Structures are given as C-alpha cells and as structure tokens.
Amino acid sequence: MLAGLLRCGHCGRRLLVSYNGTKGDVGRYKCDSTRSNPGGDPCISFGALRVDEAVGVEIVRLLQPLGVEAAIQAITQCEHQSGEKQRQIELALEQARYEATKAHRQYDTVDPDNRLVAGELERRCNGALASVRALEEELEALLRQRPAALGVEERQRLLQMGADLEAAWHHPAATSVTRKRIVRVVLREIVAQVEGDQIHLLLHWQGGDHTSLTVRKNRRGQTRWSVELETVELIRACARTMPDKAIAGMLNRMGKRTGRSNGWTQSRVRGFRNTHDIAVYRDGEWAERGEVTLTEAASILNLSPATVLRQIRAGIIPAQQYCMGAPWVIKRGNIEDSHLIERIKSLQGAAIIQIRIRRPLSFNSVARWAL
C-alpha cells in the first residue's frame, strides 16, 4: 500500500517492494542500496503487513473528524455533477441550432444559378444540422444515464459511513487501489528506520505536519501466523507443571488463540512444543523439584484444599501460580516446616473456637426448642 512513499532513514534511498510466499502475495519493503552497490550489505528490510496496518489506522484516526464533511461534499457533488454537464450540453445545443438556422437562411437566400456558392452553403447547413443531431443524441444519452436523486435512506447511509471512516476503510468493497489513492492524497513521504525489533516511521503529511509511529518488527523466523510472545512464555512455563491436554484447556479458558486464530487442542499444544523445543511434561517432575500441588499439600497438612487455598491467598503458606487457571506450585520444604505447621494449627484452633461460640438463645428460641 505504501509503494513509492517509503524512504530509508539510514541512507536516504527509496524502499522497493518485493513479494514472496507460496502464492506470491506476501509483501516486503527493502532498501534500494544493493542495486547501486551489489557487493554491499543490505540496509533495512521489513514486512509490509504491520506497517500498512499501522499507517492505515493513523490515517483513519486523523481523518475521522473530516468524515462527515466529506460525506456532505460527496452528496452535493453527486447531485450537481450531472446537472452541470447537462447545462453545458444544452448551451452548446442552443448555439448549434442557431448556427444551423443561420446557415439555412443563407442557403435559402442564395441564387440557385450560382452553383458554387449554393453548394458551399448547402455543405455548411448540413454540417450544422449534423452537429445539432450529435448534441441532441448526447443530451438524450445523458438524461437516460443520469443517476436518480439520493433518497433519504441513501443520504443517511452515506452520512453514517462518513461518521465511521474506519468501517468505510475496512469495507469489503474498498479495494487496495482506493486505499492507495487515499494514502497518496494525504501523505507526501514516510521515512523508516529500523532499530532492533522496532520500526520507527515518520509520516510527512501533505499539509506539512509530521507524525511518528512505532511498529514491532518480526524477529527472524517469525511470520504473521506466529503465536504471541506472551502465549509462548505461558506454554513454556506450564509445560513444567501440567500435560498438554490440561494446557490446551487452560489456554481456551483464557481466550488465547493459535497463530491462525484457532482454539487449542492437545495435538496443537504438542506440535507447538515440538516447534519451540519445549520438553513434554513428565510424571514425577514435581517430586524431583521438591514441589507439591495444592491437593497434595492439603493431604500432607491434613486440611481441605479450600482451607489451604485460603491460607495461600492470606500469605500464610508460600506458593506460586504462573497465571490464572494454572496450578499452584508449593515447595514441600515450606509445608514441612515445623514453625509453619504450628502456626497453621493455632489458626485452625482459633477458627474452631470462633465457630463454637454462639449468641445466647432468645426466649422464642428456647420455647420453639421445648415444643
């Protein structure tokens, strides 16, 4: 979408567009430095998808206040454009009819014996009549093709699209050619610099203003279908505490999706682990690391899992949870500590005493019990 507008912020050369992928539809911007110096190192190169999207969002954001005004101008132009052309043809037709009438009068007044003059006047008269017929046919064709006046619903829809320029920009009927025209009307040039995994864009608008944008650049090997980095780290951490099926269920509950916006399954988690060299969960890993689950901790302390969970949230029992929905990880050494056990027992005793304390019975309560 930005072909011809991007300039390298490092060497000042234009950025070219190349296409790759299985269908040849994946665009990429790259500096033109290697064309003039084939032996030199390439300057910058980055994918077009995220950059095009970021620039499109910025254009929509800045043009949104002008959307209604543009819609009103479009309505006015639609109503008056055909009327102006019709008026021009009508004026030309009026002039042609005058010329034809004038030529016919001259032909009628000439002496028929003067064949040379009569022939010339007859030729002029026929030419004027031909011009009249041509203009009449053009006017009839214009009247047949003239669009009908905009109705109330069409006006309302056009105004609504003008107010919501984002919907018009992403509308299926809006082609890439249309978007390119809009971009070139409002933008004069874009200077791009690449620093690490960030693409810094400086947008030069036609009015002389400037806007800065920062777009994240894919690392080597990443594609548009790559899973979010947060999800990668989440799977890497949870693979040490639960099997693939449990990880898939947790990711779906959290609303996480694969790179192609699909839900997670056991096989997809397994394939993801294999791609990212993440070891599979093994039974006994917890014991090897000296860790226990919440249920195991409850069994060791002779408490219910709900009680252990309340004490974890109260900060009495140290535990870690990587994210909401992941299992609690408790160090066995912490729950086997004598001081912690004594504290838990004292808290439990205090809770039992509070439960046994009852308010004094009222007279009505005693009467109901006696009956």
Protein backbone atom coordinates (compact mmCIF):
# COMPACT_ATOMS: atom_id res chain seq x y z
CA MET A 1 0.00 0.00 0.00
CA LEU A 2 2.93 2.36 0.64
CA ALA A 3 4.94 1.63 -2.52
CA GLY A 4 6.81 4.75 -3.65
CA LEU A 5 6.23 6.63 -0.38
CA LEU A 6 8.79 4.97 1.91
CA ARG A 7 12.32 6.31 2.22
CA CYS A 8 15.17 4.76 4.18
CA GLY A 9 16.02 6.78 7.27
CA HIS A 10 19.58 5.42 7.31
CA CYS A 11 20.84 6.07 3.77
CA GLY A 12 18.05 8.17 2.21
CA ARG A 13 17.25 5.78 -0.64
CA ARG A 14 13.77 4.71 -1.67
CA LEU A 15 12.34 1.45 -0.39
CA LEU A 16 11.32 -1.10 -3.00
CA VAL A 17 8.62 -3.74 -2.72
CA SER A 18 9.22 -7.46 -3.21
CA TYR A 19 6.75 -10.33 -2.96
CA ASN A 20 7.24 -13.87 -1.73
CA GLY A 21 5.27 -16.64 -0.10
CA THR A 22 3.62 -19.68 -1.63
CA LYS A 23 1.16 -17.53 -3.57
CA GLY A 24 3.45 -14.56 -4.09
CA ASP A 25 1.17 -12.26 -2.11
CA VAL A 26 3.37 -11.53 0.93
CA GLY A 27 4.83 -8.04 0.53
CA ARG A 28 8.13 -6.82 1.94
CA TYR A 29 9.81 -3.40 1.89
CA LYS A 30 13.56 -3.28 1.41
CA CYS A 31 16.15 -0.56 0.84
CA ASP A 32 17.49 0.06 -2.67
CA SER A 33 21.12 0.20 -1.52
CA THR A 34 22.09 -3.17 -3.03
CA ARG A 35 21.00 -2.08 -6.52
CA SER A 36 23.67 0.63 -6.79
CA ASN A 37 26.19 -1.40 -4.76
CA PRO A 38 25.60 -5.14 -5.34
CA GLY A 39 28.57 -6.09 -3.18
CA GLY A 40 27.42 -4.06 -0.17
CA ASP A 41 25.34 -5.17 2.76
CA PRO A 42 21.57 -4.59 2.61
CA CYS A 43 20.42 -1.60 4.60
CA ILE A 44 16.94 -2.31 6.06
CA SER A 45 14.12 -4.69 5.24
CA PHE A 46 10.79 -5.43 6.94
CA GLY A 47 7.40 -6.96 6.23
CA ALA A 48 4.63 -4.82 4.78
CA LEU A 49 1.62 -6.18 6.69
CA ARG A 50 2.06 -4.50 10.08
CA VAL A 51 3.42 -1.26 8.60
CA ASP A 52 0.47 -0.95 6.21
CA GLU A 53 -1.98 -1.62 9.03
CA ALA A 54 -0.35 0.93 11.35
CA VAL A 55 -0.34 3.66 8.70
CA GLY A 56 -3.96 2.87 7.80
CA VAL A 57 -5.01 3.17 11.46
CA GLU A 58 -3.22 6.52 11.73
CA ILE A 59 -4.89 7.85 8.58
CA VAL A 60 -8.32 6.79 9.82
CA ARG A 61 -7.64 8.38 13.23
CA LEU A 62 -6.69 11.74 11.75
CA LEU A 63 -9.33 11.83 9.01
CA GLN A 64 -12.20 10.70 11.23
CA PRO A 65 -13.30 14.28 12.14
CA LEU A 66 -13.42 15.15 8.44
CA GLY A 67 -15.54 12.15 7.53
CA VAL A 68 -18.95 13.85 7.90
CA GLU A 69 -17.82 16.89 5.94
CA ALA A 70 -16.51 14.67 3.16
CA ALA A 71 -19.82 12.77 3.09
CA ILE A 72 -21.79 16.02 2.71
CA GLN A 73 -19.49 17.11 -0.11
CA ALA A 74 -19.96 13.75 -1.79
CA ILE A 75 -23.74 14.15 -1.63
CA THR A 76 -23.55 17.68 -3.08
CA GLN A 77 -21.17 16.61 -5.82
CA CYS A 78 -23.35 13.65 -6.75
CA GLU A 79 -26.38 15.92 -7.11
CA HIS A 80 -24.74 18.71 -9.11
CA GLN A 81 -22.19 16.94 -11.28
CA SER A 82 -24.65 15.61 -13.85
CA GLY A 83 -26.62 18.87 -13.77
CA GLU A 84 -23.56 20.93 -14.73
CA LYS A 85 -22.73 18.67 -17.64
CA GLN A 86 -26.34 18.79 -18.83
CA ARG A 87 -26.27 22.59 -18.71
CA GLN A 88 -23.11 22.69 -20.81
CA ILE A 89 -24.60 20.41 -23.47
CA GLU A 90 -27.81 22.44 -23.54
CA LEU A 91 -25.85 25.67 -24.14
CA ALA A 92 -23.80 24.00 -26.89
CA LEU A 93 -27.02 22.67 -28.46
CA GLU A 94 -28.60 26.11 -28.41
CA GLN A 95 -25.56 27.58 -30.18
CA ALA A 96 -25.54 24.75 -32.73
CA ARG A 97 -29.23 25.29 -33.52
CA TYR A 98 -28.57 29.00 -34.03
CA GLU A 99 -25.73 28.20 -36.43
CA ALA A 100 -27.91 25.72 -38.30
CA THR A 101 -30.77 28.24 -38.61
CA LYS A 102 -28.36 30.91 -39.81
CA ALA A 103 -26.84 28.57 -42.40
CA HIS A 104 -30.31 27.55 -43.61
CA ARG A 105 -31.35 31.20 -44.06
CA GLN A 106 -28.22 31.91 -46.05
CA TYR A 107 -28.86 28.88 -48.24
CA ASP A 108 -32.46 29.99 -48.88
CA THR A 109 -31.41 33.49 -49.98
CA VAL A 110 -28.69 32.43 -52.42
CA ASP A 111 -29.33 32.44 -56.18
CA PRO A 112 -29.82 28.83 -57.29
CA ASP A 113 -27.94 29.54 -60.52
CA ASN A 114 -24.83 30.37 -58.53
CA ARG A 115 -24.00 26.74 -58.03
CA LEU A 116 -20.59 27.31 -56.45
CA VAL A 117 -21.95 29.46 -53.59
CA ALA A 118 -25.08 27.37 -53.24
CA GLY A 119 -23.04 24.17 -52.88
CA GLU A 120 -20.83 25.67 -50.20
CA LEU A 121 -23.83 27.00 -48.23
CA GLU A 122 -25.54 23.63 -48.53
CA ARG A 123 -22.43 21.90 -47.12
CA ARG A 124 -22.33 24.33 -44.18
CA CYS A 125 -26.01 23.83 -43.48
CA ASN A 126 -25.68 20.05 -43.48
CA GLY A 127 -22.69 20.25 -41.14
CA ALA A 128 -24.59 22.47 -38.73
CA LEU A 129 -27.56 20.10 -38.76
CA ALA A 130 -25.23 17.15 -38.10
CA SER A 131 -23.78 18.97 -35.09
CA VAL A 132 -27.30 19.60 -33.79
CA ARG A 133 -28.22 15.92 -34.13
CA ALA A 134 -25.00 14.84 -32.38
CA LEU A 135 -25.61 17.16 -29.44
CA GLU A 136 -29.24 16.08 -29.18
CA GLU A 137 -28.20 12.42 -29.04
CA GLU A 138 -25.58 13.21 -26.41
CA LEU A 139 -28.15 15.05 -24.29
CA GLU A 140 -30.63 12.16 -24.58
CA ALA A 141 -27.94 9.65 -23.54
CA LEU A 142 -27.01 11.83 -20.56
CA LEU A 143 -30.62 12.07 -19.42
CA ARG A 144 -31.03 8.29 -19.69
CA GLN A 145 -27.86 7.62 -17.67
CA ARG A 146 -28.40 10.39 -15.14
CA PRO A 147 -28.42 8.87 -11.64
CA ALA A 148 -31.55 9.25 -9.60
CA ALA A 149 -31.56 11.73 -6.77
CA LEU A 150 -30.33 10.37 -3.47
CA GLY A 151 -33.11 9.18 -1.23
CA VAL A 152 -33.38 9.74 2.49
CA GLU A 153 -32.01 6.28 3.31
CA GLU A 154 -29.06 6.68 0.93
CA ARG A 155 -28.21 10.06 2.41
CA GLN A 156 -28.36 8.63 5.92
CA ARG A 157 -26.16 5.67 4.98
CA LEU A 158 -23.59 7.93 3.33
CA LEU A 159 -23.51 10.21 6.37
CA GLN A 160 -23.14 7.21 8.64
CA MET A 161 -20.19 5.90 6.65
CA GLY A 162 -18.67 9.35 6.73
CA ALA A 163 -19.00 9.42 10.51
CA ASP A 164 -17.46 5.95 10.75
CA LEU A 165 -14.50 6.25 8.41
CA GLU A 166 -12.93 3.13 9.91
CA ALA A 167 -15.83 0.98 8.69
CA ALA A 168 -15.53 2.51 5.22
CA TRP A 169 -11.75 1.90 5.19
CA HIS A 170 -12.15 -1.80 6.08
CA HIS A 171 -15.30 -2.33 4.00
CA PRO A 172 -15.03 -5.31 1.60
CA ALA A 173 -15.93 -3.02 -1.31
CA ALA A 174 -12.95 -0.75 -0.55
CA THR A 175 -10.19 -2.07 -2.82
CA SER A 176 -6.47 -1.66 -2.36
CA VAL A 177 -6.43 0.80 -5.27
CA THR A 178 -8.89 3.03 -3.41
CA ARG A 179 -6.81 2.90 -0.24
CA LYS A 180 -3.64 3.73 -2.19
CA ARG A 181 -5.31 6.81 -3.67
CA ILE A 182 -6.40 7.99 -0.23
CA VAL A 183 -2.90 7.43 1.17
CA ARG A 184 -1.25 9.43 -1.62
CA VAL A 185 -3.71 12.29 -1.26
CA VAL A 186 -2.89 12.84 2.42
CA LEU A 187 0.74 11.61 2.68
CA ARG A 188 3.79 13.06 0.96
CA GLU A 189 6.50 10.70 2.25
CA ILE A 190 7.31 8.22 5.02
CA VAL A 191 10.82 7.89 6.48
CA ALA A 192 11.52 4.47 8.01
CA GLN A 193 14.26 3.45 10.45
CA VAL A 194 14.86 0.01 11.97
CA GLU A 195 16.35 -0.24 15.46
CA GLY A 196 16.41 -3.72 16.94
CA ASP A 197 12.90 -5.15 16.81
CA GLN A 198 11.25 -1.74 16.31
CA ILE A 199 10.35 0.06 13.07
CA HIS A 200 10.19 3.83 13.53
CA LEU A 201 8.10 5.65 10.93
CA LEU A 202 7.97 9.42 10.41
CA LEU A 203 4.89 10.34 8.37
CA HIS A 204 5.16 13.57 6.33
CA TRP A 205 1.64 14.83 5.58
CA GLN A 206 0.73 16.95 2.59
CA GLY A 207 -0.07 19.91 4.83
CA GLY A 208 3.44 19.94 6.30
CA ASP A 209 2.72 18.21 9.63
CA HIS A 210 4.60 15.14 10.88
CA THR A 211 3.52 12.09 12.86
CA SER A 212 5.71 9.42 14.45
CA LEU A 213 4.75 5.75 14.63
CA THR A 214 6.50 2.71 16.10
CA VAL A 215 5.74 -0.78 14.77
CA ARG A 216 7.08 -4.02 16.20
CA LYS A 217 9.25 -5.92 13.76
CA ASN A 218 9.10 -9.69 13.49
CA ARG A 219 12.20 -11.48 14.62
CA ARG A 220 13.96 -13.78 12.20
CA GLY A 221 11.78 -16.82 11.59
CA GLN A 222 8.58 -15.14 12.73
CA THR A 223 5.59 -14.79 10.41
CA ARG A 224 2.15 -13.24 10.57
CA TRP A 225 0.89 -16.60 11.88
CA SER A 226 3.24 -16.63 14.86
CA VAL A 227 1.78 -17.03 18.33
CA GLU A 228 2.02 -14.05 20.68
CA LEU A 229 5.17 -13.94 22.78
CA GLU A 230 3.08 -13.93 25.96
CA THR A 231 1.42 -17.20 24.92
CA VAL A 232 4.81 -18.74 24.11
CA GLU A 233 6.14 -17.97 27.58
CA LEU A 234 2.90 -19.19 29.14
CA ILE A 235 3.12 -22.57 27.41
CA ARG A 236 6.83 -22.83 28.24
CA ALA A 237 6.13 -22.31 31.94
CA CYS A 238 3.01 -24.50 32.14
CA ALA A 239 4.72 -27.38 30.31
CA ARG A 240 6.64 -27.99 33.55
CA THR A 241 3.50 -28.29 35.65
CA MET A 242 0.77 -29.93 33.54
CA PRO A 243 0.28 -32.17 30.46
CA ASP A 244 -0.67 -30.93 27.00
CA LYS A 245 -4.40 -31.59 27.36
CA ALA A 246 -4.60 -29.52 30.53
CA ILE A 247 -2.58 -26.72 28.90
CA ALA A 248 -4.99 -26.66 25.95
CA GLY A 249 -7.99 -26.36 28.26
CA MET A 250 -6.37 -23.55 30.24
CA LEU A 251 -5.45 -21.58 27.09
CA ASN A 252 -9.00 -21.86 25.73
CA ARG A 253 -10.46 -20.66 29.04
CA MET A 254 -8.13 -17.66 28.94
CA GLY A 255 -9.22 -16.81 25.39
CA LYS A 256 -5.79 -17.47 23.87
CA ARG A 257 -5.66 -18.49 20.21
CA THR A 258 -3.17 -20.08 17.88
CA GLY A 259 -1.38 -18.08 15.20
CA ARG A 260 -4.24 -18.78 12.79
CA SER A 261 -6.90 -17.80 15.36
CA ASN A 262 -7.91 -21.39 16.13
CA GLY A 263 -8.64 -22.92 19.50
CA TRP A 264 -6.06 -25.06 21.24
CA THR A 265 -6.16 -28.86 21.33
CA GLN A 266 -3.82 -31.43 22.78
CA SER A 267 -2.26 -32.11 19.37
CA ARG A 268 -1.76 -28.39 18.68
CA VAL A 269 -0.05 -27.88 22.01
CA ARG A 270 2.16 -30.89 21.28
CA GLY A 271 3.07 -29.54 17.85
CA PHE A 272 3.78 -26.12 19.31
CA ARG A 273 6.12 -27.62 21.92
CA ASN A 274 7.99 -29.60 19.29
CA THR A 275 8.44 -26.48 17.15
CA HIS A 276 9.77 -24.42 20.07
CA ASP A 277 11.88 -27.22 21.62
CA ILE A 278 9.82 -27.34 24.82
CA ALA A 279 10.12 -30.63 26.69
CA VAL A 280 6.98 -32.62 27.41
CA TYR A 281 5.61 -32.84 30.95
CA ARG A 282 6.68 -35.99 32.81
CA ASP A 283 5.07 -37.61 35.81
CA GLY A 284 7.32 -37.12 38.81
CA GLU A 285 8.71 -33.72 37.78
CA TRP A 286 7.09 -32.08 40.78
CA ALA A 287 8.72 -34.52 43.17
CA GLU A 288 12.12 -34.10 41.52
CA ARG A 289 11.93 -30.36 42.04
CA GLY A 290 10.64 -30.74 45.60
CA GLU A 291 7.23 -29.29 44.75
CA VAL A 292 3.69 -30.41 45.52
CA THR A 293 0.25 -29.48 44.24
CA LEU A 294 -2.46 -27.86 46.29
CA THR A 295 -4.22 -31.22 46.78
CA GLU A 296 -1.01 -32.92 47.90
CA ALA A 297 -0.29 -30.06 50.30
CA ALA A 298 -3.78 -30.41 51.78
CA SER A 299 -3.20 -34.15 52.28
CA ILE A 300 0.14 -33.54 54.00
CA LEU A 301 -1.30 -30.87 56.31
CA ASN A 302 -4.48 -32.90 56.91
CA LEU A 303 -6.59 -29.97 55.72
CA SER A 304 -9.11 -29.45 52.98
CA PRO A 305 -7.90 -27.96 49.66
CA ALA A 306 -10.20 -24.95 50.20
CA THR A 307 -8.55 -24.24 53.56
CA VAL A 308 -5.07 -24.47 52.04
CA LEU A 309 -6.14 -22.13 49.24
CA ARG A 310 -7.45 -19.57 51.74
CA GLN A 311 -4.17 -19.69 53.65
CA ILE A 312 -2.21 -19.28 50.39
CA ARG A 313 -4.21 -16.18 49.49
CA ALA A 314 -3.76 -14.89 53.04
CA GLY A 315 0.01 -15.23 52.63
CA ILE A 316 0.41 -17.88 55.35
CA ILE A 317 1.55 -20.68 53.01
CA PRO A 318 4.09 -19.59 50.34
CA ALA A 319 3.01 -20.64 46.83
CA GLN A 320 3.30 -19.52 43.23
CA GLN A 321 0.83 -19.52 40.34
CA TYR A 322 2.12 -18.55 36.90
CA CYS A 323 -1.26 -17.30 35.70
CA MET A 324 -4.96 -17.57 36.49
CA GLY A 325 -6.02 -21.16 35.88
CA ALA A 326 -2.54 -22.63 36.28
CA PRO A 327 -1.89 -24.96 39.25
CA TRP A 328 -0.45 -23.62 42.47
CA VAL A 329 3.19 -24.65 42.99
CA ILE A 330 4.11 -25.22 46.65
CA LYS A 331 7.55 -26.13 47.94
CA ARG A 332 7.46 -29.27 50.03
CA GLY A 333 10.03 -27.81 52.40
CA ASN A 334 7.73 -24.90 53.23
CA ILE A 335 4.76 -27.01 54.28
CA GLU A 336 7.01 -29.39 56.25
CA ASP A 337 8.48 -26.54 58.25
CA SER A 338 7.59 -27.01 61.94
CA HIS A 339 7.02 -23.31 62.56
CA LEU A 340 4.56 -23.12 59.66
CA ILE A 341 2.73 -26.25 60.88
CA GLU A 342 2.39 -24.81 64.39
CA ARG A 343 1.06 -21.54 63.01
CA ILE A 344 -1.49 -23.35 60.86
CA LYS A 345 -2.63 -25.45 63.84
CA SER A 346 -3.01 -22.36 66.00
CA LEU A 347 -5.05 -20.61 63.33
CA GLN A 348 -7.22 -23.68 62.91
CA GLY A 349 -7.81 -23.89 66.68
CA ALA A 350 -8.81 -20.24 66.80
CA ALA A 351 -11.20 -20.78 63.90
CA ILE A 352 -12.85 -23.76 65.68
CA ILE A 353 -13.31 -21.73 68.88
CA GLN A 354 -14.96 -18.92 66.91
CA ILE A 355 -17.30 -21.37 65.25
CA ARG A 356 -18.34 -22.91 68.60
CA ILE A 357 -19.15 -19.53 70.14
CA ARG A 358 -22.86 -18.92 69.72
CA ARG A 359 -25.06 -16.00 70.54
CA PRO A 360 -27.30 -16.52 73.67
CA LEU A 361 -30.62 -18.12 72.83
CA SER A 362 -33.65 -15.89 72.96
CA PHE A 363 -36.88 -16.80 74.83
CA ASN A 364 -38.60 -17.61 71.50
CA SER A 365 -35.78 -19.93 70.50
CA VAL A 366 -35.96 -21.80 73.81
CA ALA A 367 -39.75 -22.10 73.52
CA ARG A 368 -39.52 -23.49 69.98
CA TRP A 369 -36.85 -25.98 71.15
CA ALA A 370 -39.02 -27.11 74.08
CA LEU A 371 -42.01 -27.68 71.83
